[in-house]
Amino acid sequence: MESGLKPIVPCGWVDVGVDCDDLRSSRALRPRPVHKEQWGRSMAAQQSNLPLSVVLIDDNQEHLSLMELSIEQAFQEERCAITTIAHLSPAEGLAELVDHPNQIILIDYQLSGSTGVDWLSDFVKAGAGPVILVTSSGDEKIAADAFRAGAADYIIKSDAFLNPTILFRSIKESLRKYKLETTNQDLTKRLKAANKDLNSKNRKLTELTETAHRFVEDVAHEFRTPLTVIKEFASILADGLGGEVNSKQVQYLNYITSSTGDLGGLIDDFLNSSRLRSNTICVSRNEYSVRELIDGVCPMLQSRAASKSITLEFEFEDALPVVYADADKVHRSIINLVVNAIKFSEPGATVRVCAALDHEHAVKISVHDSGPGLPEEAVSELFDRFNRGTAGTNQLANGFGLGLSIVKGLVELNLGSVTLQSTLGQGSVFAFTLPCATKEGIVRGLIAQGDQATHSPIVIQSLGVWELELALRPVLELIALPVPTEPTHA
């Protein structure tokens, strides 16, 4: 060999584009074992960072040694333990992969009998850490193939040897992205498992709820007959038809009649609530005067108020228009609201029932009390099922909290709406509307129900032919279809 000539570069180093002797002299390259543990500057500081495991796959021992040196220099400022595990065969490296919380795999592209891209998917599926493909040239096709196979990054071997900073950034960024991806995958799995568990519990809860509703409805039906018998016989005895009774006995019999009436109201609430929930309640609307509707429940409400020494007053605005409604649903709504007002009023108080024109096409019936009132945050939830609205009182209210939710459902069936104004310590005003018995009133009621996101499908199912024709008339006219002749409506 002539003086000044450098030794021949070993086979496999030609494509690196770096003089091997220059690398050895500049980095003081020393023979290194296949398994090597490298340490940062301070042993005490190492304990604060997670150890790093680097798996190297390359069929050239010299290249493995240089990559180990580059990794050592790249992480010399990092105070963490670094373990490099080198393999000359990808099959060997894959077989000996171990779980490590902070591990990265660097695989060379040019291998004996295959390429690194051929093995990439196997290493990615192993889930032992992110995989970086190392190649001797910046071939865009190789890079694209590598990323499609799941590579975390793609670096050129000569860049890694000459500039360890590039290697450092590639490893750190690949680990960061891999940890984010695995964290997201873990969170997704946990979320799916939690959703599956929640859906299972919801199904069981739905089944239990349905069973409970069926039980309540069955029990309510079974209670009605004996309760009616008790009430009727108590009335017969109180009237003296079964023999002479003294005043004290009449008082006791009236207590029985009153209590059976309360229990009958609860049963009606259960049945109405169940029918509203299942959309099986019957609706029969007709034209009524407002006074006629209120007079139908006045005697019963007067008796109920008198039993608690409460004055019940009725106020009617002059010349109220006829309304279009189901009388039974209106009666039940008024009863529930007035009984609720009586329940929360002190003896000697006054409860007022008022009827007035709400606007040109609807009449409003309102119930005013001077009870404890409600805070603003409790108002929105008051019409929910089983909400007993005791926020403004210190004592627990009787009943099951169904009355007001039933009122809301029944009023909506009558194409109206329910409102509540309440101030803590100053009483409440419950009100509901009924549509006037005109085309405009009924159509406006239908449109208002359609605008409510929570309205029940039974509102539409319960419409008669004439009501549907009124509702659909604007649509028929818009699309130029023949409009049915309006039947005579009594």
Protein backbone atom coordinates (compact mmCIF):
# COMPACT_ATOMS: atom_id res chain seq x y z
CA MET A 1 0.00 0.00 0.00
CA GLU A 2 1.43 3.41 -1.00
CA SER A 3 2.21 5.97 1.66
CA GLY A 4 -0.71 8.39 2.33
CA LEU A 5 -3.38 6.05 0.95
CA LYS A 6 -6.18 5.07 3.26
CA PRO A 7 -7.13 1.41 3.76
CA ILE A 8 -10.00 0.03 1.65
CA VAL A 9 -13.41 0.61 3.20
CA PRO A 10 -15.02 -2.72 4.15
CA CYS A 11 -17.90 -4.00 2.01
CA GLY A 12 -21.21 -2.51 3.11
CA TRP A 13 -19.75 0.91 3.98
CA VAL A 14 -19.53 2.28 0.48
CA ASP A 15 -23.11 3.62 0.43
CA VAL A 16 -22.76 5.48 3.72
CA GLY A 17 -20.78 8.27 2.14
CA VAL A 18 -18.49 8.62 5.20
CA ASP A 19 -14.83 7.67 5.56
CA CYS A 20 -14.63 4.98 8.22
CA ASP A 21 -11.11 5.95 9.41
CA ASP A 22 -12.24 9.57 9.82
CA LEU A 23 -15.11 8.43 12.01
CA ARG A 24 -12.82 6.23 14.07
CA SER A 25 -10.26 8.99 14.62
CA SER A 26 -12.80 11.73 15.34
CA ARG A 27 -14.82 9.63 17.82
CA ALA A 28 -12.08 7.36 19.17
CA LEU A 29 -14.16 4.34 18.13
CA ARG A 30 -13.48 1.30 20.31
CA PRO A 31 -14.72 -2.28 19.87
CA ARG A 32 -18.05 -2.65 21.64
CA PRO A 33 -20.05 -5.70 22.74
CA VAL A 34 -23.42 -6.48 21.21
CA HIS A 35 -25.26 -5.72 24.52
CA LYS A 36 -24.10 -2.48 26.09
CA GLU A 37 -25.43 -0.18 28.82
CA GLN A 38 -24.44 3.48 28.54
CA TRP A 39 -24.79 6.07 31.26
CA GLY A 40 -25.15 9.84 31.27
CA ARG A 41 -23.12 12.27 33.28
CA SER A 42 -24.54 12.04 36.77
CA MET A 43 -25.62 8.75 38.35
CA ALA A 44 -27.85 10.59 40.83
CA ALA A 45 -29.57 12.60 38.09
CA GLN A 46 -30.24 9.44 36.06
CA GLN A 47 -32.83 8.26 38.53
CA SER A 48 -35.13 11.20 37.66
CA ASN A 49 -35.54 10.17 33.98
CA LEU A 50 -36.99 6.99 32.53
CA PRO A 51 -34.27 4.63 31.18
CA LEU A 52 -34.14 4.34 27.40
CA SER A 53 -33.81 1.02 25.55
CA VAL A 54 -32.60 1.12 21.91
CA VAL A 55 -32.85 -2.00 19.75
CA LEU A 56 -30.55 -1.91 16.68
CA ILE A 57 -31.08 -4.19 13.65
CA ASP A 58 -28.26 -4.21 11.07
CA ASP A 59 -26.37 -7.05 9.36
CA ASN A 60 -23.09 -5.05 9.48
CA GLN A 61 -21.21 -5.15 12.79
CA GLU A 62 -19.24 -2.00 12.00
CA HIS A 63 -22.43 -0.07 11.34
CA LEU A 64 -23.89 -1.32 14.62
CA SER A 65 -20.82 -0.04 16.47
CA LEU A 66 -21.00 3.36 14.82
CA MET A 67 -24.73 3.65 15.55
CA GLU A 68 -24.07 2.82 19.19
CA LEU A 69 -21.46 5.56 19.33
CA SER A 70 -23.84 8.05 17.69
CA ILE A 71 -26.58 7.20 20.21
CA GLU A 72 -24.14 7.64 23.09
CA GLN A 73 -23.08 11.07 21.82
CA ALA A 74 -26.66 12.08 20.97
CA PHE A 75 -27.83 11.42 24.53
CA GLN A 76 -24.75 12.49 26.44
CA GLU A 77 -26.58 15.59 27.66
CA GLU A 78 -29.55 13.51 28.81
CA ARG A 79 -29.37 12.31 32.37
CA CYS A 80 -30.86 8.89 31.82
CA ALA A 81 -29.67 5.30 31.54
CA ILE A 82 -29.44 4.07 27.94
CA THR A 83 -29.33 0.39 27.01
CA THR A 84 -28.54 -0.60 23.42
CA ILE A 85 -29.32 -4.11 22.22
CA ALA A 86 -27.85 -4.92 18.80
CA HIS A 87 -28.86 -7.74 16.44
CA LEU A 88 -27.34 -8.79 13.13
CA SER A 89 -30.56 -10.55 12.11
CA PRO A 90 -34.10 -9.07 12.08
CA ALA A 91 -35.60 -12.46 12.91
CA GLU A 92 -33.37 -12.69 15.98
CA GLY A 93 -34.22 -9.15 17.01
CA LEU A 94 -37.96 -9.78 16.63
CA ALA A 95 -37.77 -13.00 18.62
CA GLU A 96 -35.86 -11.37 21.49
CA LEU A 97 -37.97 -8.22 21.83
CA VAL A 98 -38.94 -7.51 25.41
CA ASP A 99 -41.51 -5.16 26.93
CA HIS A 100 -40.01 -1.85 27.95
CA PRO A 101 -41.86 1.37 28.83
CA ASN A 102 -39.37 3.55 26.89
CA GLN A 103 -38.02 1.55 23.96
CA ILE A 104 -37.27 2.39 20.31
CA ILE A 105 -36.23 0.17 17.39
CA LEU A 106 -33.84 1.25 14.61
CA ILE A 107 -33.79 -1.12 11.62
CA ASP A 108 -31.50 -0.82 8.60
CA TYR A 109 -33.09 -0.83 5.15
CA GLN A 110 -30.50 -3.03 3.40
CA LEU A 111 -30.44 -6.46 5.05
CA SER A 112 -29.24 -9.86 3.90
CA GLY A 113 -31.92 -11.40 1.70
CA SER A 114 -34.56 -8.76 2.52
CA THR A 115 -35.15 -5.10 3.33
CA GLY A 116 -36.06 -3.30 6.54
CA VAL A 117 -39.42 -2.37 4.99
CA ASP A 118 -40.22 -6.09 4.68
CA TRP A 119 -39.83 -6.46 8.45
CA LEU A 120 -41.35 -3.16 9.51
CA SER A 121 -44.92 -4.38 9.91
CA ASP A 122 -43.79 -7.30 12.08
CA PHE A 123 -41.93 -4.99 14.47
CA VAL A 124 -44.84 -2.51 14.52
CA LYS A 125 -47.35 -5.27 15.33
CA ALA A 126 -45.11 -6.48 18.17
CA GLY A 127 -45.96 -3.21 19.95
CA ALA A 128 -42.58 -2.96 21.65
CA GLY A 129 -42.01 0.66 20.68
CA PRO A 130 -41.76 3.01 17.67
CA VAL A 131 -39.70 1.82 14.67
CA ILE A 132 -37.30 4.07 12.72
CA LEU A 133 -36.02 2.98 9.30
CA VAL A 134 -32.33 3.76 8.69
CA THR A 135 -31.12 3.91 5.09
CA SER A 136 -28.05 4.97 3.18
CA SER A 137 -29.84 7.30 0.76
CA GLY A 138 -32.76 9.69 0.74
CA ASP A 139 -35.00 7.69 -1.58
CA GLU A 140 -38.55 9.09 -1.53
CA LYS A 141 -40.10 5.76 -2.57
CA ILE A 142 -38.36 3.94 0.28
CA ALA A 143 -39.51 6.64 2.71
CA ALA A 144 -43.12 6.38 1.46
CA ASP A 145 -43.06 2.57 1.73
CA ALA A 146 -41.63 2.84 5.24
CA PHE A 147 -44.34 5.18 6.49
CA ARG A 148 -47.06 3.06 4.89
CA ALA A 149 -45.68 0.05 6.75
CA GLY A 150 -45.91 1.94 10.06
CA ALA A 151 -42.47 3.50 10.52
CA ALA A 152 -42.35 6.34 13.04
CA ASP A 153 -39.53 8.08 11.14
CA TYR A 154 -36.99 7.71 8.35
CA ILE A 155 -33.38 8.87 8.68
CA ILE A 156 -30.25 8.68 6.52
CA LYS A 157 -27.43 6.67 8.05
CA SER A 158 -24.63 9.13 7.24
CA ASP A 159 -26.63 11.99 8.84
CA ALA A 160 -27.02 9.96 12.01
CA PHE A 161 -23.28 9.18 12.13
CA LEU A 162 -22.05 12.72 11.40
CA ASN A 163 -24.73 14.68 13.27
CA PRO A 164 -26.01 12.86 16.37
CA THR A 165 -28.42 15.74 16.99
CA ILE A 166 -30.53 14.51 14.05
CA LEU A 167 -30.64 11.05 15.59
CA PHE A 168 -31.50 12.50 19.00
CA ARG A 169 -34.44 14.52 17.63
CA SER A 170 -35.74 11.60 15.59
CA ILE A 171 -35.72 9.26 18.57
CA LYS A 172 -37.27 11.77 20.98
CA GLU A 173 -40.04 12.79 18.55
CA SER A 174 -40.80 9.17 17.63
CA LEU A 175 -41.10 8.23 21.29
CA ARG A 176 -43.31 11.24 22.00
CA LYS A 177 -45.72 10.43 19.16
CA TYR A 178 -45.73 6.74 20.02
CA LYS A 179 -46.63 7.43 23.64
CA LEU A 180 -49.42 9.76 22.56
CA GLU A 181 -50.76 7.13 20.17
CA THR A 182 -50.60 4.34 22.73
CA THR A 183 -52.21 6.59 25.34
CA ASN A 184 -55.01 7.44 22.91
CA GLN A 185 -55.47 3.78 22.03
CA ASP A 186 -55.60 2.86 25.70
CA LEU A 187 -58.09 5.62 26.44
CA THR A 188 -60.19 4.54 23.45
CA LYS A 189 -60.23 0.94 24.67
CA ARG A 190 -61.16 2.03 28.17
CA LEU A 191 -63.86 4.34 26.79
CA LYS A 192 -65.32 1.55 24.67
CA ALA A 193 -65.27 -0.80 27.65
CA ALA A 194 -66.92 1.85 29.83
CA ASN A 195 -69.56 2.51 27.16
CA LYS A 196 -70.23 -1.19 26.82
CA ASP A 197 -70.62 -1.50 30.57
CA LEU A 198 -72.81 1.62 30.68
CA ASN A 199 -75.03 0.33 27.86
CA SER A 200 -75.40 -2.98 29.66
CA LYS A 201 -76.39 -1.21 32.86
CA ASN A 202 -78.78 1.06 30.95
CA ARG A 203 -80.47 -1.97 29.39
CA LYS A 204 -80.87 -3.56 32.80
CA LEU A 205 -82.15 -0.28 34.23
CA THR A 206 -84.64 0.04 31.36
CA GLU A 207 -85.86 -3.49 32.00
CA LEU A 208 -86.21 -2.79 35.73
CA THR A 209 -88.01 0.49 34.99
CA GLU A 210 -90.44 -1.23 32.64
CA THR A 211 -91.06 -3.92 35.23
CA ALA A 212 -91.65 -1.30 37.92
CA HIS A 213 -94.08 0.62 35.70
CA ARG A 214 -96.03 -2.52 34.87
CA PHE A 215 -96.17 -3.43 38.56
CA VAL A 216 -97.37 0.05 39.56
CA GLU A 217 -100.03 0.06 36.86
CA ASP A 218 -101.26 -3.41 37.84
CA VAL A 219 -101.37 -2.52 41.54
CA ALA A 220 -103.15 0.78 40.80
CA HIS A 221 -105.81 -1.04 38.80
CA GLU A 222 -106.28 -3.61 41.56
CA PHE A 223 -106.62 -0.86 44.20
CA ARG A 224 -109.36 1.04 42.43
CA THR A 225 -112.22 -1.42 43.04
CA PRO A 226 -111.78 -1.95 46.81
CA LEU A 227 -111.04 1.76 47.26
CA THR A 228 -114.30 2.67 45.51
CA VAL A 229 -116.18 0.23 47.72
CA ILE A 230 -114.70 1.74 50.90
CA LYS A 231 -115.55 5.26 49.77
CA GLU A 232 -119.13 4.41 48.79
CA PHE A 233 -119.91 2.52 52.00
CA ALA A 234 -118.40 5.32 54.10
CA SER A 235 -120.72 7.77 52.33
CA ILE A 236 -123.71 5.46 52.89
CA LEU A 237 -122.95 5.24 56.62
CA ALA A 238 -122.35 8.99 56.91
CA ASP A 239 -125.73 9.68 55.26
CA GLY A 240 -127.43 7.44 57.84
CA LEU A 241 -128.66 4.96 55.25
CA GLY A 242 -127.22 2.06 57.23
CA GLY A 243 -128.55 3.23 60.54
CA GLU A 244 -128.36 6.20 62.84
CA VAL A 245 -124.89 7.68 63.46
CA ASN A 246 -123.87 10.48 65.77
CA SER A 247 -121.91 13.59 64.80
CA LYS A 248 -118.59 12.15 65.96
CA GLN A 249 -119.07 9.07 63.82
CA VAL A 250 -119.99 11.23 60.82
CA GLN A 251 -116.74 13.14 61.32
CA TYR A 252 -114.77 9.89 61.33
CA LEU A 253 -116.57 8.66 58.21
CA ASN A 254 -115.77 11.94 56.47
CA TYR A 255 -112.12 11.37 57.31
CA ILE A 256 -112.36 7.98 55.63
CA THR A 257 -114.01 9.50 52.56
CA SER A 258 -111.39 12.26 52.36
CA SER A 259 -108.50 9.81 52.73
CA THR A 260 -109.87 7.45 50.11
CA GLY A 261 -110.23 10.46 47.81
CA ASP A 262 -106.55 11.28 48.35
CA LEU A 263 -105.56 7.70 47.67
CA GLY A 264 -107.77 7.67 44.58
CA GLY A 265 -105.98 10.77 43.33
CA LEU A 266 -102.61 9.06 43.76
CA ILE A 267 -103.87 6.04 41.83
CA ASP A 268 -105.12 8.30 39.05
CA ASP A 269 -101.71 9.97 38.99
CA PHE A 270 -99.96 6.61 38.63
CA LEU A 271 -102.26 5.53 35.82
CA ASN A 272 -102.09 8.86 33.99
CA SER A 273 -98.32 8.99 34.30
CA SER A 274 -98.01 5.45 32.96
CA ARG A 275 -100.33 6.16 30.03
CA LEU A 276 -98.55 9.40 29.17
CA ARG A 277 -95.21 7.65 29.25
CA SER A 278 -96.42 4.82 27.00
CA ASN A 279 -98.47 7.10 24.71
CA THR A 280 -101.68 5.10 25.29
CA ILE A 281 -103.88 7.78 26.85
CA CYS A 282 -107.15 8.57 25.05
CA VAL A 283 -108.00 12.13 23.98
CA SER A 284 -111.44 13.49 23.12
CA ARG A 285 -111.48 17.24 22.45
CA ASN A 286 -114.51 19.46 22.03
CA GLU A 287 -115.66 23.05 22.48
CA TYR A 288 -116.22 24.28 26.07
CA SER A 289 -116.60 27.54 27.91
CA VAL A 290 -113.87 28.14 30.49
CA ARG A 291 -116.38 28.67 33.29
CA GLU A 292 -118.02 25.34 32.46
CA LEU A 293 -114.67 23.55 32.76
CA ILE A 294 -113.76 25.15 36.10
CA ASP A 295 -117.25 24.74 37.58
CA GLY A 296 -116.92 20.99 37.00
CA VAL A 297 -114.24 20.73 39.72
CA CYS A 298 -115.19 23.68 41.93
CA PRO A 299 -117.20 21.78 44.64
CA MET A 300 -114.49 19.18 45.16
CA LEU A 301 -111.75 21.82 45.37
CA GLN A 302 -113.81 23.97 47.78
CA SER A 303 -114.20 20.98 50.07
CA ARG A 304 -110.50 20.22 49.88
CA ALA A 305 -109.53 23.81 50.69
CA ALA A 306 -112.02 24.02 53.59
CA SER A 307 -110.49 20.92 55.19
CA LYS A 308 -107.28 22.90 55.61
CA SER A 309 -108.96 26.25 56.47
CA ILE A 310 -107.86 27.78 53.16
CA THR A 311 -109.98 30.22 51.17
CA LEU A 312 -110.40 29.33 47.50
CA GLU A 313 -111.34 32.17 45.15
CA PHE A 314 -112.27 32.07 41.44
CA GLU A 315 -111.83 35.01 39.05
CA PHE A 316 -113.03 35.08 35.43
CA GLU A 317 -112.27 37.73 32.85
CA ASP A 318 -115.33 38.96 31.00
CA ALA A 319 -116.30 37.60 27.57
CA LEU A 320 -113.77 34.77 27.41
CA PRO A 321 -113.86 32.85 24.11
CA VAL A 322 -114.80 29.18 23.87
CA VAL A 323 -111.82 26.83 24.10
CA TYR A 324 -111.05 23.56 22.34
CA ALA A 325 -109.96 20.84 24.79
CA ASP A 326 -110.50 17.47 26.43
CA ALA A 327 -112.58 18.31 29.52
CA ASP A 328 -111.26 15.41 31.61
CA LYS A 329 -107.66 16.47 30.95
CA VAL A 330 -108.46 20.07 31.91
CA HIS A 331 -110.21 18.95 35.12
CA ARG A 332 -107.24 16.79 36.12
CA SER A 333 -104.81 19.65 35.40
CA ILE A 334 -106.79 22.15 37.51
CA ILE A 335 -107.20 19.66 40.36
CA ASN A 336 -103.48 18.84 40.47
CA LEU A 337 -102.45 22.50 40.46
CA VAL A 338 -104.98 23.61 43.10
CA VAL A 339 -104.29 20.60 45.36
CA ASN A 340 -100.58 21.38 45.04
CA ALA A 341 -101.22 25.02 46.01
CA ILE A 342 -103.33 23.96 49.01
CA LYS A 343 -100.66 21.49 50.10
CA PHE A 344 -98.00 24.21 50.35
CA SER A 345 -100.20 26.96 51.80
CA GLU A 346 -100.57 27.70 55.49
CA PRO A 347 -104.04 27.54 57.16
CA GLY A 348 -105.88 30.84 56.69
CA ALA A 349 -104.16 31.56 53.35
CA THR A 350 -105.94 32.23 50.07
CA VAL A 351 -105.55 30.34 46.80
CA ARG A 352 -106.87 32.05 43.65
CA VAL A 353 -107.88 30.38 40.37
CA CYS A 354 -107.97 32.91 37.52
CA ALA A 355 -109.06 32.66 33.89
CA ALA A 356 -108.06 35.34 31.38
CA LEU A 357 -107.22 35.81 27.73
CA ASP A 358 -103.55 34.96 27.21
CA HIS A 359 -103.51 36.30 23.65
CA GLU A 360 -105.91 36.47 20.73
CA HIS A 361 -105.93 32.70 20.18
CA ALA A 362 -105.55 31.18 23.68
CA VAL A 363 -106.97 31.38 27.21
CA LYS A 364 -104.79 31.09 30.30
CA ILE A 365 -105.90 29.44 33.55
CA SER A 366 -103.63 30.27 36.49
CA VAL A 367 -103.40 29.16 40.13
CA HIS A 368 -101.91 31.66 42.62
CA ASP A 369 -100.70 30.70 46.09
CA SER A 370 -98.81 32.40 48.92
CA GLY A 371 -96.72 29.37 49.82
CA PRO A 372 -92.98 29.13 50.41
CA GLY A 373 -92.10 29.58 46.74
CA LEU A 374 -89.11 28.11 44.93
CA PRO A 375 -85.57 29.27 44.12
CA GLU A 376 -84.90 29.98 40.45
CA GLU A 377 -82.69 26.91 39.97
CA ALA A 378 -85.49 24.56 41.13
CA VAL A 379 -88.14 25.87 38.72
CA SER A 380 -86.78 24.19 35.58
CA GLU A 381 -86.85 20.72 37.17
CA LEU A 382 -90.23 21.00 38.91
CA PHE A 383 -92.21 19.35 36.09
CA ASP A 384 -89.95 16.28 36.00
CA ARG A 385 -91.38 12.94 37.09
CA PHE A 386 -90.96 12.17 40.82
CA ASN A 387 -89.83 15.72 41.62
CA ARG A 388 -91.64 16.79 44.77
CA GLY A 389 -90.45 20.41 44.70
CA THR A 390 -89.56 20.80 48.40
CA ALA A 391 -86.68 23.23 47.83
CA GLY A 392 -88.49 26.09 49.56
CA THR A 393 -89.78 24.11 52.54
CA ASN A 394 -88.28 22.42 55.54
CA GLN A 395 -90.66 19.47 55.51
CA LEU A 396 -91.02 16.64 53.04
CA ALA A 397 -94.08 16.92 50.80
CA ASN A 398 -96.58 14.09 50.58
CA GLY A 399 -97.08 12.21 47.33
CA PHE A 400 -94.74 10.85 44.70
CA GLY A 401 -93.95 13.97 42.68
CA LEU A 402 -96.07 12.93 39.69
CA GLY A 403 -98.80 15.60 39.80
CA LEU A 404 -96.98 18.43 38.02
CA SER A 405 -95.38 16.18 35.40
CA ILE A 406 -98.88 14.86 34.65
CA VAL A 407 -100.20 18.41 34.33
CA LYS A 408 -97.51 19.17 31.74
CA GLY A 409 -98.35 16.06 29.72
CA LEU A 410 -102.11 16.63 29.85
CA VAL A 411 -101.81 20.29 28.92
CA GLU A 412 -99.65 19.41 25.91
CA LEU A 413 -102.29 16.91 24.83
CA ASN A 414 -104.72 19.84 24.88
CA LEU A 415 -102.30 21.78 22.59
CA GLY A 416 -101.33 24.17 25.38
CA SER A 417 -98.27 24.99 27.47
CA VAL A 418 -97.42 25.22 31.18
CA THR A 419 -95.58 28.07 32.89
CA LEU A 420 -94.41 28.74 36.42
CA GLN A 421 -93.45 31.99 38.14
CA SER A 422 -92.11 31.60 41.65
CA THR A 423 -90.10 33.62 44.14
CA LEU A 424 -88.63 32.07 47.25
CA GLY A 425 -90.71 33.13 50.23
CA GLN A 426 -93.38 34.88 48.14
CA GLY A 427 -95.47 32.09 46.61
CA SER A 428 -95.96 30.72 43.11
CA VAL A 429 -98.18 31.12 40.05
CA PHE A 430 -98.79 28.00 37.97
CA ALA A 431 -100.54 28.58 34.66
CA PHE A 432 -101.49 26.70 31.51
CA THR A 433 -103.07 27.69 28.23
CA LEU A 434 -105.90 26.25 26.16
CA PRO A 435 -106.39 27.04 22.45
CA CYS A 436 -109.48 28.92 21.37
CA ALA A 437 -111.96 26.89 19.34
CA THR A 438 -110.97 28.56 16.07
CA LYS A 439 -108.84 27.47 13.13
CA GLU A 440 -106.11 29.91 14.11
CA GLY A 441 -106.15 28.84 17.76
CA ILE A 442 -105.89 25.13 17.00
CA VAL A 443 -103.23 25.52 14.31
CA ARG A 444 -101.16 27.77 16.57
CA GLY A 445 -101.43 25.16 19.31
CA LEU A 446 -100.25 22.45 16.92
CA ILE A 447 -97.32 24.57 15.73
CA ALA A 448 -96.33 25.37 19.33
CA GLN A 449 -96.28 21.66 20.15
CA GLY A 450 -94.15 20.98 17.08
CA ASP A 451 -91.63 23.58 18.26
CA GLN A 452 -91.18 21.80 21.61
CA ALA A 453 -88.30 19.34 21.41
CA THR A 454 -89.74 17.23 24.23
CA HIS A 455 -93.35 16.99 23.04
CA SER A 456 -94.84 13.51 23.02
CA PRO A 457 -95.72 11.71 19.75
CA ILE A 458 -99.17 11.07 21.22
CA VAL A 459 -99.99 14.76 20.63
CA ILE A 460 -99.89 14.06 16.90
CA GLN A 461 -101.42 10.58 17.20
CA SER A 462 -104.41 11.98 19.08
CA LEU A 463 -105.42 14.47 16.38
CA GLY A 464 -108.78 14.08 14.73
CA VAL A 465 -109.40 14.29 10.97
CA TRP A 466 -110.59 17.89 11.16
CA GLU A 467 -107.55 18.91 13.27
CA LEU A 468 -105.14 17.22 10.87
CA GLU A 469 -106.81 18.94 7.92
CA LEU A 470 -106.35 22.30 9.65
CA ALA A 471 -102.70 21.56 10.36
CA LEU A 472 -101.96 20.32 6.83
CA ARG A 473 -103.98 22.93 4.92
CA PRO A 474 -101.00 25.37 4.47
CA VAL A 475 -98.83 22.48 3.21
CA LEU A 476 -101.52 21.29 0.75
CA GLU A 477 -101.95 24.81 -0.58
CA LEU A 478 -98.18 25.22 -0.93
CA ILE A 479 -97.79 22.13 -3.11
CA ALA A 480 -101.01 22.91 -5.05
CA LEU A 481 -102.93 19.79 -4.01
CA PRO A 482 -106.73 19.84 -3.63
CA VAL A 483 -107.74 20.97 -0.14
CA PRO A 484 -110.53 18.87 1.46
CA THR A 485 -113.81 20.64 2.13
CA GLU A 486 -114.07 21.49 5.82
CA PRO A 487 -116.77 19.41 7.53
CA THR A 488 -119.34 21.03 9.76
CA HIS A 489 -117.93 20.94 13.32
CA ALA A 490 -120.32 21.12 16.23
